[in-house]
N, C-alpha and C. Protein backbone atom coordinates (compact mmCIF):
# COMPACT_ATOMS: atom_id res chain seq x y z
N UNK A 1 0.85 -1.19 0.00
CA UNK A 1 0.00 0.00 0.00
C UNK A 1 0.89 1.24 0.00
N UNK A 2 0.62 2.10 -0.95
CA UNK A 2 1.43 3.32 -1.07
C UNK A 2 1.01 4.34 -0.02
N UNK A 3 2.00 5.00 0.53
CA UNK A 3 1.73 5.98 1.58
C UNK A 3 1.13 7.25 0.98
N UNK A 4 1.49 7.59 -0.24
CA UNK A 4 1.06 8.85 -0.83
C UNK A 4 -0.29 8.80 -1.53
N UNK A 5 -0.79 7.62 -1.80
CA UNK A 5 -2.08 7.51 -2.49
C UNK A 5 -3.22 7.95 -1.58
N UNK A 6 -4.26 8.45 -2.21
CA UNK A 6 -5.44 8.81 -1.43
C UNK A 6 -6.10 7.55 -0.90
N UNK A 7 -6.73 7.70 0.25
CA UNK A 7 -7.43 6.59 0.89
C UNK A 7 -8.93 6.79 0.66
N UNK A 8 -9.59 5.69 0.27
CA UNK A 8 -11.02 5.79 0.01
C UNK A 8 -11.78 4.62 0.61
N UNK A 9 -12.91 4.94 1.21
CA UNK A 9 -13.88 3.95 1.66
C UNK A 9 -14.96 3.92 0.59
N UNK A 10 -15.30 2.73 0.13
CA UNK A 10 -16.30 2.60 -0.93
C UNK A 10 -17.52 1.89 -0.36
N UNK A 11 -18.70 2.46 -0.61
CA UNK A 11 -19.90 1.89 -0.01
C UNK A 11 -20.41 0.67 -0.78
N UNK A 12 -21.32 -0.04 -0.15
CA UNK A 12 -21.84 -1.31 -0.67
C UNK A 12 -22.47 -1.15 -2.04
N UNK A 13 -23.19 -0.07 -2.26
CA UNK A 13 -23.88 0.13 -3.53
C UNK A 13 -22.91 0.17 -4.70
N UNK A 14 -21.74 0.75 -4.51
CA UNK A 14 -20.72 0.80 -5.57
C UNK A 14 -20.22 -0.61 -5.87
N UNK A 15 -19.97 -1.39 -4.81
CA UNK A 15 -19.54 -2.78 -5.02
C UNK A 15 -20.62 -3.59 -5.73
N UNK A 16 -21.88 -3.38 -5.36
CA UNK A 16 -22.98 -4.10 -6.01
C UNK A 16 -23.07 -3.72 -7.48
N UNK A 17 -22.98 -2.43 -7.78
CA UNK A 17 -23.04 -2.00 -9.17
C UNK A 17 -21.86 -2.55 -9.98
N UNK A 18 -20.71 -2.66 -9.36
CA UNK A 18 -19.55 -3.27 -10.03
C UNK A 18 -19.83 -4.74 -10.32
N UNK A 19 -20.47 -5.43 -9.40
CA UNK A 19 -20.78 -6.85 -9.59
C UNK A 19 -21.82 -7.05 -10.69
N UNK A 20 -22.77 -6.16 -10.76
CA UNK A 20 -23.82 -6.27 -11.77
C UNK A 20 -23.24 -6.06 -13.16
N UNK A 21 -22.29 -5.13 -13.27
CA UNK A 21 -21.66 -4.85 -14.57
C UNK A 21 -20.19 -4.53 -14.33
N UNK A 22 -19.34 -5.51 -14.57
CA UNK A 22 -17.90 -5.36 -14.31
C UNK A 22 -17.28 -4.24 -15.13
N UNK A 23 -17.91 -3.87 -16.26
CA UNK A 23 -17.37 -2.83 -17.14
C UNK A 23 -17.97 -1.45 -16.87
N UNK A 24 -18.85 -1.34 -15.88
CA UNK A 24 -19.48 -0.07 -15.52
C UNK A 24 -18.47 0.86 -14.85
N UNK A 25 -18.87 2.09 -14.60
CA UNK A 25 -18.01 3.03 -13.87
C UNK A 25 -17.64 2.46 -12.50
N UNK A 26 -18.59 1.95 -11.70
CA UNK A 26 -18.18 1.33 -10.44
C UNK A 26 -17.21 0.16 -10.65
N UNK A 27 -17.44 -0.62 -11.69
CA UNK A 27 -16.52 -1.71 -12.00
C UNK A 27 -15.13 -1.20 -12.32
N UNK A 28 -15.07 -0.11 -13.06
CA UNK A 28 -13.78 0.51 -13.39
C UNK A 28 -13.07 0.97 -12.11
N UNK A 29 -13.82 1.58 -11.18
CA UNK A 29 -13.23 2.05 -9.93
C UNK A 29 -12.71 0.89 -9.08
N UNK A 30 -13.48 -0.19 -9.03
CA UNK A 30 -13.11 -1.34 -8.19
C UNK A 30 -11.97 -2.14 -8.80
N UNK A 31 -11.93 -2.24 -10.12
CA UNK A 31 -10.95 -3.12 -10.76
C UNK A 31 -9.82 -2.37 -11.45
N UNK A 32 -10.09 -1.70 -12.55
CA UNK A 32 -8.98 -1.15 -13.33
C UNK A 32 -8.33 0.08 -12.68
N UNK A 33 -9.03 0.78 -11.81
CA UNK A 33 -8.46 1.98 -11.16
C UNK A 33 -7.89 1.69 -9.77
N UNK A 34 -7.94 0.44 -9.32
CA UNK A 34 -7.52 0.10 -7.95
C UNK A 34 -6.10 0.52 -7.61
N UNK A 35 -5.23 0.59 -8.59
CA UNK A 35 -3.86 1.00 -8.31
C UNK A 35 -3.73 2.49 -8.05
N UNK A 36 -4.81 3.24 -8.27
CA UNK A 36 -4.76 4.70 -8.14
C UNK A 36 -5.11 5.21 -6.75
N UNK A 37 -5.58 4.33 -5.88
CA UNK A 37 -5.96 4.74 -4.53
C UNK A 37 -5.82 3.54 -3.59
N UNK A 38 -5.83 3.80 -2.31
CA UNK A 38 -5.81 2.75 -1.30
C UNK A 38 -7.23 2.54 -0.78
N UNK A 39 -7.75 1.34 -0.98
CA UNK A 39 -9.07 1.00 -0.46
C UNK A 39 -8.96 0.77 1.04
N UNK A 40 -9.90 1.35 1.77
CA UNK A 40 -9.98 1.18 3.22
C UNK A 40 -11.33 0.55 3.53
N UNK A 41 -11.33 -0.42 4.43
CA UNK A 41 -12.58 -1.08 4.81
C UNK A 41 -12.47 -1.56 6.25
N UNK A 42 -13.59 -2.02 6.75
CA UNK A 42 -13.64 -2.66 8.07
C UNK A 42 -14.28 -4.02 7.88
N UNK A 43 -14.20 -4.86 8.90
CA UNK A 43 -14.86 -6.16 8.81
C UNK A 43 -16.36 -5.99 8.61
N UNK A 44 -16.94 -4.97 9.22
CA UNK A 44 -18.39 -4.72 9.06
C UNK A 44 -18.74 -4.38 7.62
N UNK A 45 -17.88 -3.60 6.95
CA UNK A 45 -18.12 -3.25 5.55
C UNK A 45 -17.98 -4.48 4.67
N UNK A 46 -16.92 -5.24 4.89
CA UNK A 46 -16.73 -6.47 4.11
C UNK A 46 -17.92 -7.41 4.28
N UNK A 47 -18.40 -7.56 5.51
CA UNK A 47 -19.54 -8.45 5.78
C UNK A 47 -20.80 -7.94 5.09
N UNK A 48 -21.02 -6.63 5.10
CA UNK A 48 -22.22 -6.10 4.44
C UNK A 48 -22.15 -6.30 2.93
N UNK A 49 -21.00 -6.02 2.33
CA UNK A 49 -20.85 -6.22 0.88
C UNK A 49 -21.09 -7.68 0.54
N UNK A 50 -20.50 -8.58 1.30
CA UNK A 50 -20.69 -10.00 1.03
C UNK A 50 -22.16 -10.39 1.18
N UNK A 51 -22.81 -9.91 2.24
CA UNK A 51 -24.22 -10.20 2.46
C UNK A 51 -25.07 -9.75 1.28
N UNK A 52 -24.84 -8.54 0.80
CA UNK A 52 -25.63 -8.00 -0.31
C UNK A 52 -25.38 -8.80 -1.59
N UNK A 53 -24.13 -9.14 -1.87
CA UNK A 53 -23.81 -9.87 -3.10
C UNK A 53 -24.42 -11.27 -3.13
N UNK A 54 -24.67 -11.84 -1.96
CA UNK A 54 -25.25 -13.19 -1.89
C UNK A 54 -26.73 -13.18 -1.51
N UNK A 55 -27.33 -12.03 -1.36
CA UNK A 55 -28.74 -11.92 -0.95
C UNK A 55 -29.65 -12.49 -2.03
N UNK A 56 -30.54 -13.42 -1.68
CA UNK A 56 -31.42 -14.04 -2.68
C UNK A 56 -32.25 -13.03 -3.49
N UNK A 57 -32.73 -11.99 -2.84
CA UNK A 57 -33.54 -10.98 -3.54
C UNK A 57 -32.71 -10.29 -4.62
N UNK A 58 -31.44 -10.00 -4.33
CA UNK A 58 -30.55 -9.38 -5.31
C UNK A 58 -30.25 -10.37 -6.44
N UNK A 59 -30.00 -11.62 -6.07
CA UNK A 59 -29.70 -12.65 -7.07
C UNK A 59 -30.89 -12.88 -8.00
N UNK A 60 -32.11 -12.81 -7.44
CA UNK A 60 -33.30 -12.97 -8.28
C UNK A 60 -33.42 -11.82 -9.28
N UNK A 61 -33.10 -10.63 -8.84
CA UNK A 61 -33.21 -9.45 -9.70
C UNK A 61 -32.10 -9.42 -10.76
N UNK A 62 -30.91 -9.92 -10.40
CA UNK A 62 -29.75 -9.92 -11.30
C UNK A 62 -29.21 -11.35 -11.42
N UNK A 63 -29.90 -12.19 -12.21
CA UNK A 63 -29.50 -13.61 -12.27
C UNK A 63 -28.08 -13.84 -12.80
N UNK A 64 -27.52 -12.87 -13.50
CA UNK A 64 -26.14 -13.03 -14.00
C UNK A 64 -25.10 -12.78 -12.90
N UNK A 65 -25.56 -12.31 -11.74
CA UNK A 65 -24.66 -12.12 -10.59
C UNK A 65 -24.46 -13.47 -9.92
N UNK A 66 -23.38 -14.13 -10.29
CA UNK A 66 -23.09 -15.49 -9.83
C UNK A 66 -22.15 -15.46 -8.63
N UNK A 67 -21.95 -16.62 -8.02
CA UNK A 67 -20.99 -16.75 -6.92
C UNK A 67 -19.59 -16.35 -7.41
N UNK A 68 -19.27 -16.73 -8.65
CA UNK A 68 -17.96 -16.42 -9.21
C UNK A 68 -17.75 -14.91 -9.32
N UNK A 69 -18.76 -14.19 -9.79
CA UNK A 69 -18.65 -12.73 -9.90
C UNK A 69 -18.56 -12.11 -8.51
N UNK A 70 -19.36 -12.61 -7.58
CA UNK A 70 -19.29 -12.09 -6.21
C UNK A 70 -17.89 -12.27 -5.65
N UNK A 71 -17.29 -13.42 -5.88
CA UNK A 71 -15.93 -13.67 -5.37
C UNK A 71 -14.92 -12.73 -6.02
N UNK A 72 -15.08 -12.46 -7.31
CA UNK A 72 -14.19 -11.53 -8.00
C UNK A 72 -14.27 -10.15 -7.34
N UNK A 73 -15.49 -9.71 -7.06
CA UNK A 73 -15.68 -8.40 -6.42
C UNK A 73 -15.07 -8.40 -5.02
N UNK A 74 -15.27 -9.47 -4.28
CA UNK A 74 -14.76 -9.53 -2.91
C UNK A 74 -13.23 -9.57 -2.85
N UNK A 75 -12.58 -9.95 -3.94
CA UNK A 75 -11.11 -9.94 -3.95
C UNK A 75 -10.56 -8.52 -3.81
N UNK A 76 -11.39 -7.51 -4.07
CA UNK A 76 -10.94 -6.12 -3.91
C UNK A 76 -10.50 -5.85 -2.47
N UNK A 77 -11.04 -6.62 -1.52
CA UNK A 77 -10.70 -6.40 -0.12
C UNK A 77 -9.36 -7.04 0.27
N UNK A 78 -8.81 -7.88 -0.60
CA UNK A 78 -7.59 -8.61 -0.25
C UNK A 78 -6.41 -7.70 0.05
N UNK A 79 -6.30 -6.59 -0.67
CA UNK A 79 -5.18 -5.68 -0.40
C UNK A 79 -5.66 -4.37 0.22
N UNK A 80 -6.86 -4.39 0.78
CA UNK A 80 -7.40 -3.19 1.43
C UNK A 80 -6.76 -3.00 2.80
N UNK A 81 -6.73 -1.75 3.24
CA UNK A 81 -6.33 -1.45 4.61
C UNK A 81 -7.56 -1.70 5.48
N UNK A 82 -7.45 -2.64 6.41
CA UNK A 82 -8.58 -2.97 7.26
C UNK A 82 -8.41 -2.25 8.60
N UNK A 83 -9.40 -1.48 8.96
CA UNK A 83 -9.41 -0.77 10.24
C UNK A 83 -10.66 -1.19 11.01
N UNK A 84 -10.53 -1.14 12.31
CA UNK A 84 -11.69 -1.44 13.15
C UNK A 84 -11.97 -0.24 14.03
N UNK A 85 -12.99 0.55 13.65
CA UNK A 85 -13.32 1.73 14.46
C UNK A 85 -13.65 1.33 15.89
N UNK A 86 -13.18 2.12 16.84
CA UNK A 86 -13.45 1.85 18.25
C UNK A 86 -14.94 1.94 18.56
N UNK A 87 -15.62 2.86 17.88
CA UNK A 87 -17.07 2.97 18.04
C UNK A 87 -17.66 3.48 16.73
N UNK A 88 -18.96 3.27 16.58
CA UNK A 88 -19.67 3.70 15.37
C UNK A 88 -20.78 4.64 15.81
N UNK A 89 -20.47 5.94 15.87
CA UNK A 89 -21.49 6.89 16.32
C UNK A 89 -22.63 7.03 15.31
N UNK A 90 -23.80 7.35 15.83
CA UNK A 90 -24.97 7.57 14.98
C UNK A 90 -24.86 8.96 14.36
N UNK A 91 -24.61 9.01 13.06
CA UNK A 91 -24.43 10.28 12.36
C UNK A 91 -25.41 10.41 11.20
N UNK A 92 -25.48 9.39 10.37
CA UNK A 92 -26.31 9.42 9.18
C UNK A 92 -27.79 9.23 9.54
N UNK A 93 -28.65 9.73 8.67
CA UNK A 93 -30.07 9.49 8.89
C UNK A 93 -30.42 8.02 8.62
N UNK A 94 -29.53 7.28 7.94
CA UNK A 94 -29.68 5.84 7.78
C UNK A 94 -28.59 5.18 8.62
N UNK A 95 -28.96 4.56 9.75
CA UNK A 95 -27.97 3.99 10.66
C UNK A 95 -27.02 2.98 9.99
N UNK A 96 -27.45 2.33 8.91
CA UNK A 96 -26.59 1.36 8.23
C UNK A 96 -25.40 2.04 7.56
N UNK A 97 -25.48 3.34 7.34
CA UNK A 97 -24.39 4.07 6.68
C UNK A 97 -23.29 4.50 7.66
N UNK A 98 -23.56 4.42 8.94
CA UNK A 98 -22.59 4.89 9.92
C UNK A 98 -21.28 4.10 9.90
N UNK A 99 -21.32 2.83 9.46
CA UNK A 99 -20.08 2.04 9.41
C UNK A 99 -19.08 2.64 8.42
N UNK A 100 -19.57 3.26 7.35
CA UNK A 100 -18.68 3.87 6.36
C UNK A 100 -18.03 5.13 6.92
N UNK A 101 -18.81 5.92 7.64
CA UNK A 101 -18.29 7.14 8.26
C UNK A 101 -17.26 6.80 9.34
N UNK A 102 -17.58 5.82 10.18
CA UNK A 102 -16.67 5.43 11.26
C UNK A 102 -15.37 4.86 10.70
N UNK A 103 -15.48 4.05 9.66
CA UNK A 103 -14.29 3.46 9.03
C UNK A 103 -13.40 4.56 8.43
N UNK A 104 -14.02 5.46 7.70
CA UNK A 104 -13.25 6.54 7.06
C UNK A 104 -12.55 7.40 8.11
N UNK A 105 -13.24 7.69 9.20
CA UNK A 105 -12.64 8.51 10.26
C UNK A 105 -11.49 7.75 10.91
N UNK A 106 -11.68 6.48 11.23
CA UNK A 106 -10.65 5.68 11.90
C UNK A 106 -9.39 5.56 11.03
N UNK A 107 -9.57 5.53 9.72
CA UNK A 107 -8.43 5.36 8.80
C UNK A 107 -7.86 6.69 8.31
N UNK A 108 -8.46 7.79 8.73
CA UNK A 108 -8.09 9.10 8.19
C UNK A 108 -8.17 9.08 6.66
N UNK A 109 -9.26 8.53 6.16
CA UNK A 109 -9.47 8.44 4.71
C UNK A 109 -9.72 9.82 4.14
N UNK A 110 -9.41 9.95 2.85
CA UNK A 110 -9.66 11.21 2.15
C UNK A 110 -11.08 11.26 1.59
N UNK A 111 -11.59 10.10 1.19
CA UNK A 111 -12.88 10.06 0.49
C UNK A 111 -13.74 8.90 0.96
N UNK A 112 -15.04 9.11 0.88
CA UNK A 112 -16.04 8.04 0.90
C UNK A 112 -16.70 8.14 -0.47
N UNK A 113 -16.76 7.02 -1.18
CA UNK A 113 -17.36 6.99 -2.51
C UNK A 113 -18.71 6.29 -2.38
N UNK A 114 -19.76 6.99 -2.79
CA UNK A 114 -21.11 6.49 -2.57
C UNK A 114 -22.07 7.09 -3.59
N UNK A 115 -23.14 6.37 -3.85
CA UNK A 115 -24.26 6.92 -4.62
C UNK A 115 -25.46 7.11 -3.69
N UNK A 116 -25.26 6.92 -2.40
CA UNK A 116 -26.32 6.96 -1.40
C UNK A 116 -26.53 8.40 -0.95
N UNK A 117 -27.72 8.91 -1.17
CA UNK A 117 -28.03 10.29 -0.80
C UNK A 117 -27.87 10.54 0.70
N UNK A 118 -28.13 9.51 1.51
CA UNK A 118 -27.97 9.67 2.96
C UNK A 118 -26.53 9.94 3.34
N UNK A 119 -25.59 9.44 2.56
CA UNK A 119 -24.18 9.75 2.80
C UNK A 119 -23.77 11.03 2.09
N UNK A 120 -24.16 11.17 0.83
CA UNK A 120 -23.74 12.34 0.04
C UNK A 120 -24.16 13.66 0.68
N UNK A 121 -25.30 13.66 1.35
CA UNK A 121 -25.80 14.90 1.97
C UNK A 121 -24.89 15.34 3.13
N UNK A 122 -24.07 14.44 3.63
CA UNK A 122 -23.18 14.77 4.76
C UNK A 122 -21.85 15.37 4.31
N UNK A 123 -21.62 15.47 3.00
CA UNK A 123 -20.34 15.98 2.50
C UNK A 123 -20.14 17.45 2.86
N UNK A 124 -18.97 17.79 3.41
CA UNK A 124 -17.92 16.89 3.88
C UNK A 124 -18.23 16.42 5.29
N UNK A 125 -17.70 15.24 5.63
CA UNK A 125 -17.80 14.73 6.99
C UNK A 125 -16.44 14.95 7.63
N UNK A 126 -16.39 15.89 8.55
CA UNK A 126 -15.12 16.34 9.14
C UNK A 126 -14.19 16.71 7.98
N UNK A 127 -13.05 16.03 7.82
CA UNK A 127 -12.14 16.38 6.71
C UNK A 127 -12.31 15.43 5.52
N UNK A 128 -13.30 14.56 5.57
CA UNK A 128 -13.48 13.52 4.55
C UNK A 128 -14.50 13.99 3.51
N UNK A 129 -14.09 13.93 2.25
CA UNK A 129 -14.99 14.28 1.16
C UNK A 129 -15.87 13.07 0.84
N UNK A 130 -17.16 13.30 0.68
CA UNK A 130 -18.09 12.23 0.30
C UNK A 130 -18.55 12.54 -1.11
N UNK A 131 -18.16 11.69 -2.04
CA UNK A 131 -18.39 11.96 -3.46
C UNK A 131 -19.03 10.76 -4.14
N UNK A 132 -19.66 11.03 -5.29
CA UNK A 132 -20.22 9.92 -6.07
C UNK A 132 -19.12 9.34 -6.97
N UNK A 133 -19.46 8.29 -7.68
CA UNK A 133 -18.46 7.56 -8.47
C UNK A 133 -17.82 8.42 -9.55
N UNK A 134 -18.60 9.22 -10.24
CA UNK A 134 -18.04 10.03 -11.33
C UNK A 134 -17.09 11.09 -10.77
N UNK A 135 -17.44 11.69 -9.64
CA UNK A 135 -16.56 12.69 -9.04
C UNK A 135 -15.27 12.05 -8.53
N UNK A 136 -15.37 10.83 -8.01
CA UNK A 136 -14.15 10.14 -7.56
C UNK A 136 -13.26 9.79 -8.76
N UNK A 137 -13.87 9.38 -9.85
CA UNK A 137 -13.09 9.11 -11.06
C UNK A 137 -12.35 10.38 -11.50
N UNK A 138 -13.01 11.51 -11.44
CA UNK A 138 -12.36 12.78 -11.80
C UNK A 138 -11.18 13.08 -10.88
N UNK A 139 -11.35 12.80 -9.59
CA UNK A 139 -10.24 13.00 -8.64
C UNK A 139 -9.06 12.11 -9.03
N UNK A 140 -9.34 10.85 -9.32
CA UNK A 140 -8.26 9.91 -9.67
C UNK A 140 -7.57 10.31 -10.97
N UNK A 141 -8.34 10.82 -11.92
CA UNK A 141 -7.77 11.19 -13.21
C UNK A 141 -6.99 12.50 -13.12
N UNK A 142 -7.26 13.32 -12.09
CA UNK A 142 -6.56 14.61 -11.98
C UNK A 142 -5.23 14.46 -11.24
N UNK A 143 -5.04 13.34 -10.55
CA UNK A 143 -3.77 13.13 -9.82
C UNK A 143 -2.63 12.80 -10.74
């Protein structure tokens, strides 16, 4: 992990969109752009992403989302910086989003990448920028 690269926490929705279409913008961020930033996650984030990728309701809606594709997406966590926040304060109007905020704060991340309005409305969170996928791509391309 490079010390100078920006650190980013990526929310579940981005991982799901990458799984649905590996060639989409989220897929590009998760796979081909991975060398441009340091992914930061927690065990809670990894567990939520895995839960969503294997959820029967999601699989019914996206039958091409196979176990193999889910495993490919989950490999993104293999070289991630894993942090365990000491606590997860209630900040977002959606309590499920607080794990992303706590992780980013614990890791001193630069960005949270999300398409979730409950997170985006909090931008910035302390010193952390909360941006959507296209804005994060612009950040990566400007470095």
